[in-house]
Every structure is written in structure tokens, then in C-alpha cells.
Amino acid sequence: MINSVLRKSQRVYLFFKRLVDLVGSLVGIILLSPVLLICAIITKCTSKGPIFFRQERLGKNKKVFRIFKFRSMRADAPEIAPSDMTIEQQKAMEYRWGQFMRKTSLDEIPQLFNIFVGDMSFIGPRPGAAHNEEELVKAREAYSPNAYDVKPGLSGYAQTRMNREHDPYEKAKYDHEYVKRMSAWFDIKIFVYTILKIFGAVKGR
């Protein structure tokens, strides 16, 4: 089904973007397999509970899929949307190794499998929870094009512009801007900025 909201050049780009996602995620899984194993072992040894955090998220066309992350919060953390928690509450729910993984984004590495199977892309709007984030869904749907016209990403434009805030309306605005400007060059810029941000070379705003 052709997405008429996107420009013709963007629809062509999506084909090549999927090839990059497929090859890049496979290479990433292979190269980072020792890191995946080490993170899994430390997670299991330092905190009670499952190794992975699984949650239903909304993808392209609001299709529900299950995202995978290393569990960075305690097993008794409440099942509520991040937008309903303050940064202090989030930190209080983290355990020490989990805090390190969140700070370095190591907890995000299992999403390479989501990218490989086609639920996600390396770059795109971050997928919101399938439940309990109605405000974000409403804020995004107010725009055209919007976040649900493309696959969600491991990182996105909103993440480079914001820090750990969860204002759904600001996030929806940046998601809309991303889809409007989506291109190979823009994705490369976001990817490089994300890497720099992880290593502390730059901040959100």
C-alpha cells in the first residue's frame, strides 16, 4: 500500500532504508553478541527479575508489536507510561546496573532484533506504548504527516532535541518535523548526533 502522505523521493528512500536496517542490524547483532551476553549475565546477577523488558508498542500504521530491551528498572516497577512518572520517580525505580545501561543506552541493544524483523528502523520516531499513552497518540495524530506514517526508530529526532522529558505534545511536534524532512542525509545527522549524545559530547537542547 502506497503512503500518499510521503513524497515520492521519501517512498523510494524507504526501500533503501530497509536494506540498511536489515544489513546493519544483522551485522550489529553479530558484532555486539559478546556485549549482549555480558549485559544479560550482569542483569541476571545484579537484580531479581527477568533479563529482558518486553512491552507492546505502536509501530507504523499503529500496528502493535513487542519491543525488547534489557530490564533497567526493578522488577517491582509500576507498569505505567514514562510520561506519568517524573525523572526522580524513574531513577528511584532503577537499580545500579540498570542506571548504567540507561545512561549508556546499553539497554536499547536488544532492539536490533526488532529492527532485523522489520518492526523498527535505526532512525525514526520512538515507539510509544500501545496502552496508557493515549495523550501521545492524540498529539501525534493532530499532525499530517505524523509518527505513524513511518516505522519507529531506535533513535529519533525528538531524542536529539529533548533530554529525558516526556512532554507528548513537544515529542509529537518533533516527530512530525522528522517525517516531513526524512531523508538519507537527515537520518545520518540524527545517527551521528545520537552517538555524540551517548558519549556526552552534546546535550539535547
Protein backbone atom coordinates (compact mmCIF):
# COMPACT_ATOMS: atom_id res chain seq x y z
CA MET A 1 0.00 0.00 0.00
CA ILE A 2 1.47 3.34 -1.09
CA ASN A 3 1.64 6.00 1.58
CA SER A 4 0.45 9.13 -0.24
CA VAL A 5 1.37 11.31 2.75
CA LEU A 6 5.06 10.87 1.95
CA ARG A 7 6.85 12.41 -1.01
CA LYS A 8 7.82 10.13 -3.91
CA SER A 9 11.51 10.57 -3.07
CA GLN A 10 10.81 9.51 0.52
CA ARG A 11 8.94 6.39 -0.59
CA VAL A 12 11.92 5.42 -2.76
CA TYR A 13 14.27 6.13 0.14
CA LEU A 14 12.30 3.82 2.44
CA PHE A 15 13.24 0.86 0.21
CA PHE A 16 16.96 1.56 0.62
CA LYS A 17 16.47 2.40 4.28
CA ARG A 18 15.05 -1.08 4.88
CA LEU A 19 18.11 -2.65 3.22
CA VAL A 20 20.39 -0.64 5.51
CA ASP A 21 18.30 -1.63 8.53
CA LEU A 22 18.38 -5.31 7.59
CA VAL A 23 22.12 -5.50 6.92
CA GLY A 24 23.05 -3.09 9.73
CA SER A 25 21.01 -4.91 12.38
CA LEU A 26 22.40 -8.31 11.35
CA VAL A 27 25.97 -7.02 11.50
CA GLY A 28 25.21 -5.28 14.80
CA ILE A 29 23.80 -8.46 16.35
CA ILE A 30 26.87 -10.44 15.30
CA LEU A 31 29.45 -7.85 16.40
CA LEU A 32 27.67 -6.99 19.64
CA SER A 33 26.82 -10.56 20.64
CA PRO A 34 29.56 -10.53 23.37
CA VAL A 35 28.09 -7.29 24.74
CA LEU A 36 24.59 -8.77 24.65
CA LEU A 37 25.81 -11.81 26.57
CA ILE A 38 27.70 -9.76 29.18
CA CYS A 39 24.74 -7.42 29.74
CA ALA A 40 22.39 -10.38 30.10
CA ILE A 41 24.63 -12.05 32.69
CA ILE A 42 25.16 -8.87 34.74
CA THR A 43 21.44 -8.04 34.62
CA LYS A 44 20.58 -11.50 35.91
CA CYS A 45 23.23 -11.39 38.65
CA THR A 46 22.55 -7.88 39.95
CA SER A 47 18.76 -7.70 40.10
CA LYS A 48 15.88 -10.08 40.68
CA GLY A 49 13.54 -10.45 37.76
CA PRO A 50 13.66 -11.23 34.03
CA ILE A 51 16.63 -10.22 31.88
CA PHE A 52 14.52 -8.53 29.22
CA PHE A 53 11.84 -5.90 29.42
CA ARG A 54 9.04 -6.59 26.92
CA GLN A 55 6.28 -4.15 26.16
CA GLU A 56 3.68 -3.69 23.46
CA ARG A 57 4.37 -0.58 21.38
CA LEU A 58 2.70 1.12 18.42
CA GLY A 59 4.56 0.94 15.12
CA LYS A 60 3.83 2.05 11.58
CA ASN A 61 0.11 2.49 10.93
CA LYS A 62 -0.33 1.95 14.70
CA LYS A 63 0.44 -1.75 14.35
CA VAL A 64 1.15 -3.28 17.76
CA PHE A 65 4.47 -5.06 18.21
CA ARG A 66 6.52 -6.22 21.20
CA ILE A 67 9.70 -4.27 21.89
CA PHE A 68 12.75 -5.81 23.58
CA LYS A 69 15.10 -4.04 25.96
CA PHE A 70 17.37 -5.09 28.78
CA ARG A 71 15.47 -4.54 32.01
CA SER A 72 16.86 -1.37 33.59
CA MET A 73 14.28 -0.99 36.37
CA ARG A 74 13.48 -3.11 39.37
CA ALA A 75 11.07 -5.98 38.81
CA ASP A 76 8.51 -4.25 41.06
CA ALA A 77 8.49 -1.03 38.99
CA PRO A 78 4.90 0.04 38.19
CA GLU A 79 3.55 -0.68 34.71
CA ILE A 80 2.79 2.93 33.81
CA ALA A 81 3.87 5.16 30.97
CA PRO A 82 7.10 7.16 31.42
CA SER A 83 5.07 10.31 30.77
CA ASP A 84 3.22 9.60 34.02
CA MET A 85 6.46 9.39 36.03
CA THR A 86 8.85 12.16 37.00
CA ILE A 87 12.56 11.76 36.27
CA GLU A 88 13.10 11.33 40.01
CA GLN A 89 10.50 8.52 40.13
CA GLN A 90 12.15 6.80 37.19
CA LYS A 91 15.56 6.97 38.86
CA ALA A 92 14.09 5.62 42.10
CA MET A 93 12.86 2.55 40.21
CA GLU A 94 16.26 1.84 38.63
CA TYR A 95 18.92 -0.41 40.13
CA ARG A 96 22.62 0.44 39.83
CA TRP A 97 23.45 -1.62 36.73
CA GLY A 98 20.16 -0.53 35.20
CA GLN A 99 21.10 3.11 35.70
CA PHE A 100 24.38 2.50 33.88
CA MET A 101 22.62 0.76 30.99
CA ARG A 102 20.11 3.58 30.61
CA LYS A 103 22.84 6.23 30.76
CA THR A 104 24.92 4.46 28.09
CA SER A 105 21.88 3.18 26.12
CA LEU A 106 23.08 -0.43 26.50
CA ASP A 107 19.53 -1.37 27.45
CA GLU A 108 18.44 -0.50 23.89
CA ILE A 109 20.73 -3.01 22.12
CA PRO A 110 18.14 -5.87 22.01
CA GLN A 111 16.05 -3.66 19.74
CA LEU A 112 18.44 -4.72 16.97
CA PHE A 113 16.22 -7.80 16.77
CA ASN A 114 13.14 -5.57 16.36
CA ILE A 115 14.94 -3.81 13.51
CA PHE A 116 16.01 -7.08 11.89
CA VAL A 117 12.45 -8.46 11.73
CA GLY A 118 11.12 -5.18 10.35
CA ASP A 119 9.14 -3.76 13.27
CA MET A 120 11.55 -0.85 13.68
CA SER A 121 14.25 1.13 11.91
CA PHE A 122 17.53 2.56 13.17
CA ILE A 123 16.15 6.10 12.84
CA GLY A 124 12.53 7.16 13.25
CA PRO A 125 10.05 8.38 15.86
CA ARG A 126 10.41 6.44 19.11
CA PRO A 127 7.52 3.98 19.51
CA GLY A 128 5.04 4.89 22.20
CA ALA A 129 3.40 2.31 24.44
CA ALA A 130 0.36 0.59 22.94
CA HIS A 131 -1.53 1.23 26.17
CA ASN A 132 -1.64 4.11 28.66
CA GLU A 133 -0.19 6.74 26.29
CA GLU A 134 -3.40 7.99 24.70
CA GLU A 135 -2.23 11.60 25.06
CA LEU A 136 0.83 10.95 22.88
CA VAL A 137 -1.28 9.16 20.26
CA LYS A 138 -3.72 12.07 20.16
CA ALA A 139 -0.91 14.63 19.94
CA ARG A 140 0.73 12.75 17.06
CA GLU A 141 -2.50 12.24 15.11
CA ALA A 142 -3.08 16.00 15.13
CA TYR A 143 -0.27 16.28 12.56
CA SER A 144 -0.02 15.14 8.96
CA PRO A 145 2.32 13.51 8.22
CA ASN A 146 2.88 12.01 11.65
CA ALA A 147 4.90 9.36 13.51
CA TYR A 148 2.59 6.54 12.43
CA ASP A 149 3.33 7.09 8.73
CA VAL A 150 6.80 5.53 9.12
CA LYS A 151 8.45 2.79 11.16
CA PRO A 152 9.52 3.76 14.68
CA GLY A 153 13.23 4.07 15.36
CA LEU A 154 15.91 3.05 17.81
CA SER A 155 16.66 6.77 17.96
CA GLY A 156 14.84 9.76 16.53
CA TYR A 157 14.80 13.48 16.01
CA ALA A 158 12.87 14.12 19.24
CA GLN A 159 15.56 12.28 21.22
CA THR A 160 18.26 14.56 19.81
CA ARG A 161 16.26 17.68 20.65
CA MET A 162 14.92 16.66 24.06
CA ASN A 163 16.68 15.18 27.07
CA ARG A 164 14.62 12.86 29.28
CA GLU A 165 11.46 14.97 29.17
CA HIS A 166 8.26 13.22 28.19
CA ASP A 167 6.07 16.10 27.01
CA PRO A 168 3.85 14.29 24.45
CA TYR A 169 3.00 17.46 22.53
CA GLU A 170 6.60 18.54 22.10
CA LYS A 171 7.55 14.99 21.11
CA ALA A 172 4.72 14.87 18.54
CA LYS A 173 5.92 18.16 17.05
CA TYR A 174 9.44 16.84 16.54
CA ASP A 175 8.10 13.54 15.16
CA HIS A 176 6.06 15.48 12.60
CA GLU A 177 9.09 17.53 11.64
CA TYR A 178 11.14 14.36 11.23
CA VAL A 179 8.67 12.70 8.84
CA LYS A 180 8.45 15.92 6.79
CA ARG A 181 12.24 16.12 6.49
CA MET A 182 13.02 12.40 6.33
CA SER A 183 15.93 11.68 4.01
CA ALA A 184 19.22 9.79 4.00
CA TRP A 185 21.16 12.92 4.98
CA PHE A 186 18.78 13.78 7.81
CA ASP A 187 18.92 10.22 9.16
CA ILE A 188 22.74 10.28 9.08
CA LYS A 189 22.76 13.57 11.01
CA ILE A 190 20.42 12.12 13.65
CA PHE A 191 22.51 8.94 13.90
CA VAL A 192 25.76 10.88 14.40
CA TYR A 193 24.13 13.24 16.89
CA THR A 194 22.77 10.26 18.84
CA ILE A 195 26.24 8.71 19.11
CA LEU A 196 27.71 12.02 20.26
CA LYS A 197 24.93 12.42 22.82
CA ILE A 198 25.51 8.91 24.21
CA PHE A 199 29.17 9.76 24.81
CA GLY A 200 28.28 13.11 26.36
CA ALA A 201 29.75 15.23 23.57
CA VAL A 202 26.45 17.08 23.09
CA LYS A 203 23.21 17.64 25.01
CA GLY A 204 19.61 17.78 23.89
CA ARG A 205 18.88 21.50 23.79
